[in-house]
């Protein structure tokens, strides 16, 4: 048998083998196994995606709860922010009531004035401890950031734009003007 004949026989044998039902079953089994692997991978990815979705939803719920809790805490803080200063002012109020009651019974108005002066000093100390200070207007130049000009007067004794008189005290709290001084200003 020649080489060429052997090749032809091998080719025919291969064709017959491929066309047999066993060869087709092997081919189908390979395709089914490939599809099963793909389906298993898809199911695995779907499960992983569900886990991520659940994790995301939990994190989102946790964040919403955190935000609501912080809002409640801030509201509570705003609600009672002035508690510290009010507690300090209550002592001054009590002392003022005692001074008034005492002077109305004894008719000692000099004692009342002294008591009120002491209470005023205590209130100023409280304000100072909270960072509140009076705005200086004595011999000061008018500053629209600290003063409110409610009157203007030409005065030969004062320079132009100088404060002549303070009508109501102004205050700063930690450097910020919380109430400007009401003043009379010299304009020439």
Protein backbone atom coordinates (compact mmCIF):
# COMPACT_ATOMS: atom_id res chain seq x y z
CA UNK A 1 0.00 0.00 0.00
CA UNK A 2 1.33 3.29 -0.97
CA UNK A 3 1.55 6.35 1.17
CA UNK A 4 -1.17 8.00 -0.74
CA UNK A 5 -3.53 5.09 -0.15
CA UNK A 6 -2.82 5.17 3.56
CA UNK A 7 -3.71 8.82 3.71
CA UNK A 8 -6.97 8.26 1.90
CA UNK A 9 -7.88 5.43 4.27
CA UNK A 10 -7.10 7.55 7.31
CA UNK A 11 -9.25 10.38 5.99
CA UNK A 12 -12.16 8.04 5.33
CA UNK A 13 -11.78 6.50 8.76
CA UNK A 14 -11.84 9.91 10.37
CA UNK A 15 -14.97 10.86 8.44
CA UNK A 16 -16.72 7.69 9.54
CA UNK A 17 -15.70 8.23 13.15
CA UNK A 18 -17.00 11.77 13.13
CA UNK A 19 -20.29 10.77 11.63
CA UNK A 20 -20.96 8.07 14.20
CA UNK A 21 -23.52 8.77 16.98
CA UNK A 22 -20.81 8.49 19.63
CA UNK A 23 -18.88 11.35 18.05
CA UNK A 24 -22.03 13.45 17.92
CA UNK A 25 -22.75 12.65 21.60
CA UNK A 26 -19.25 13.70 22.58
CA UNK A 27 -19.74 16.94 20.69
CA UNK A 28 -23.15 17.54 22.35
CA UNK A 29 -21.75 16.67 25.79
CA UNK A 30 -18.97 19.19 25.29
CA UNK A 31 -21.50 21.87 24.27
CA UNK A 32 -23.79 21.02 27.22
CA UNK A 33 -20.87 21.12 29.64
CA UNK A 34 -19.83 24.52 28.24
CA UNK A 35 -23.38 25.86 28.63
CA UNK A 36 -23.59 24.49 32.17
CA UNK A 37 -20.33 26.24 33.05
CA UNK A 38 -21.64 29.48 31.55
CA UNK A 39 -24.95 29.16 33.42
CA UNK A 40 -23.13 28.45 36.67
CA UNK A 41 -20.94 31.51 36.12
CA UNK A 42 -24.03 33.65 35.36
CA UNK A 43 -25.76 32.43 38.52
CA UNK A 44 -22.63 33.14 40.55
CA UNK A 45 -22.43 36.68 39.12
CA UNK A 46 -26.15 37.25 39.78
CA UNK A 47 -25.71 36.17 43.40
CA UNK A 48 -22.68 38.44 43.76
CA UNK A 49 -24.65 41.34 42.23
CA UNK A 50 -27.50 40.72 44.70
CA UNK A 51 -25.00 40.77 47.57
CA UNK A 52 -23.62 44.11 46.35
CA UNK A 53 -27.14 45.53 45.98
CA UNK A 54 -28.04 44.45 49.51
CA UNK A 55 -24.81 45.90 50.87
CA UNK A 56 -25.45 49.18 49.02
CA UNK A 57 -29.01 49.40 50.36
CA UNK A 58 -27.79 48.75 53.93
CA UNK A 59 -25.11 51.42 53.59
CA UNK A 60 -27.65 53.86 52.17
CA UNK A 61 -30.05 53.17 55.06
CA UNK A 62 -27.21 53.56 57.57
CA UNK A 63 -26.27 56.90 56.01
CA UNK A 64 -29.88 58.12 56.11
CA UNK A 65 -30.14 57.12 59.77
CA UNK A 66 -26.84 58.89 60.49
CA UNK A 67 -28.08 62.04 58.74
CA UNK A 68 -31.37 62.02 60.67
CA UNK A 69 -29.55 61.44 63.96
CA UNK A 70 -27.16 64.34 63.27
CA UNK A 71 -30.10 66.61 62.36
CA UNK A 72 -31.82 65.72 65.64
CA UNK A 73 -28.61 66.37 67.57
CA UNK A 74 -28.12 69.74 65.84
CA UNK A 75 -31.73 70.71 66.55
CA UNK A 76 -31.24 69.76 70.19
CA UNK A 77 -28.03 71.78 70.29
CA UNK A 78 -29.73 74.84 68.77
CA UNK A 79 -32.67 74.44 71.10
CA UNK A 80 -30.53 74.58 74.23
CA UNK A 81 -27.54 76.60 72.96
CA UNK A 82 -28.38 79.55 75.19
CA UNK A 83 -28.89 77.43 78.32
CA UNK A 84 -25.44 78.21 79.73
CA UNK A 85 -25.83 82.00 79.45
CA UNK A 86 -29.45 81.93 80.65
CA UNK A 87 -28.40 80.00 83.75
CA UNK A 88 -25.82 82.68 84.50
CA UNK A 89 -28.37 85.47 83.92
CA UNK A 90 -30.88 83.86 86.28
CA UNK A 91 -28.59 84.67 89.21
CA UNK A 92 -28.63 88.33 88.20
CA UNK A 93 -32.41 88.26 87.88
CA UNK A 94 -32.79 86.70 91.33
CA UNK A 95 -30.48 89.33 92.84
CA UNK A 96 -32.41 92.12 91.13
CA UNK A 97 -35.72 90.81 92.49
CA UNK A 98 -34.26 90.57 96.00
CA UNK A 99 -32.95 94.14 95.78
CA UNK A 100 -36.33 95.46 94.63
CA UNK A 101 -38.24 93.52 97.31
CA UNK A 102 -35.84 94.61 100.03
CA UNK A 103 -35.94 98.30 99.07
CA UNK A 104 -39.72 98.35 98.73
CA UNK A 105 -40.05 97.07 102.31
CA UNK A 106 -37.36 99.28 103.85
CA UNK A 107 -37.75 102.30 101.53
CA UNK A 108 -33.92 102.39 101.32
CA UNK A 109 -33.43 103.63 97.77
CA UNK A 110 -29.70 104.25 98.25
CA UNK A 111 -29.37 100.55 99.06
CA UNK A 112 -31.39 99.75 95.93
CA UNK A 113 -29.05 101.80 93.76
CA UNK A 114 -25.99 100.10 95.27
CA UNK A 115 -27.60 96.66 94.76
CA UNK A 116 -28.45 97.45 91.13
CA UNK A 117 -24.88 98.66 90.52
CA UNK A 118 -23.52 95.39 91.93
CA UNK A 119 -25.93 93.39 89.76
CA UNK A 120 -24.95 95.42 86.69
CA UNK A 121 -21.29 94.66 87.42
CA UNK A 122 -22.13 90.95 87.70
CA UNK A 123 -24.00 91.05 84.38
CA UNK A 124 -21.04 92.77 82.70
CA UNK A 125 -18.76 90.04 84.07
CA UNK A 126 -21.07 87.39 82.61
CA UNK A 127 -21.03 89.14 79.24
CA UNK A 128 -17.24 89.43 79.35
CA UNK A 129 -16.91 85.71 80.15
CA UNK A 130 -18.96 85.01 77.00
CA UNK A 131 -16.69 87.19 74.85
CA UNK A 132 -18.98 90.25 74.77
CA UNK A 133 -17.37 93.67 74.99
CA UNK A 134 -18.60 97.25 74.62
CA UNK A 135 -17.72 99.16 71.46
CA UNK A 136 -15.63 102.21 72.36
CA UNK A 137 -17.07 105.53 71.17
CA UNK A 138 -15.15 107.97 73.36
CA UNK A 139 -13.09 110.32 71.12
CA UNK A 140 -13.57 107.79 68.31
CA UNK A 141 -13.93 108.36 64.61
CA UNK A 142 -17.23 107.21 63.12
CA UNK A 143 -16.92 103.66 61.74
CA UNK A 144 -20.03 102.42 59.85
CA UNK A 145 -19.09 98.82 60.73
CA UNK A 146 -19.35 99.53 64.48
CA UNK A 147 -21.52 102.64 64.76
CA UNK A 148 -24.96 103.70 63.57
CA UNK A 149 -25.27 107.45 63.02
CA UNK A 150 -28.76 108.47 64.11
CA UNK A 151 -27.99 112.19 64.42
CA UNK A 152 -25.61 114.58 62.69
CA UNK A 153 -24.52 117.93 64.07
CA UNK A 154 -22.03 120.59 63.06
CA UNK A 155 -19.80 121.23 66.06
CA UNK A 156 -16.85 123.64 66.24
CA UNK A 157 -15.39 121.66 69.21
CA UNK A 158 -15.15 118.35 67.29
CA UNK A 159 -13.37 117.27 64.14
CA UNK A 160 -15.34 116.16 61.11
CA UNK A 161 -16.62 112.56 61.30
CA UNK A 162 -15.91 112.33 65.07
CA UNK A 163 -18.49 110.89 67.46
CA UNK A 164 -20.02 113.65 69.59
CA UNK A 165 -22.29 111.54 71.77
CA UNK A 166 -23.23 107.91 72.33
CA UNK A 167 -27.01 107.45 72.48
CA UNK A 168 -26.98 103.67 72.97
CA UNK A 169 -24.05 101.35 73.66
CA UNK A 170 -22.95 98.89 71.04
CA UNK A 171 -21.44 95.46 71.61
CA UNK A 172 -19.12 92.97 69.94
CA UNK A 173 -19.05 89.27 70.62
CA UNK A 174 -15.70 87.63 69.96
CA UNK A 175 -14.85 90.40 67.48
CA UNK A 176 -18.20 90.37 65.64
CA UNK A 177 -20.51 93.38 66.03
CA UNK A 178 -23.77 92.11 67.52
CA UNK A 179 -25.26 95.57 68.08
CA UNK A 180 -23.78 98.78 66.65
CA UNK A 181 -23.49 101.85 68.87
CA UNK A 182 -26.10 104.52 68.16
CA UNK A 183 -24.22 107.80 67.96
CA UNK A 184 -24.39 111.49 67.09
CA UNK A 185 -21.68 112.40 64.56
CA UNK A 186 -20.02 115.71 63.74
CA UNK A 187 -20.36 116.81 60.11
CA UNK A 188 -18.97 120.13 58.92
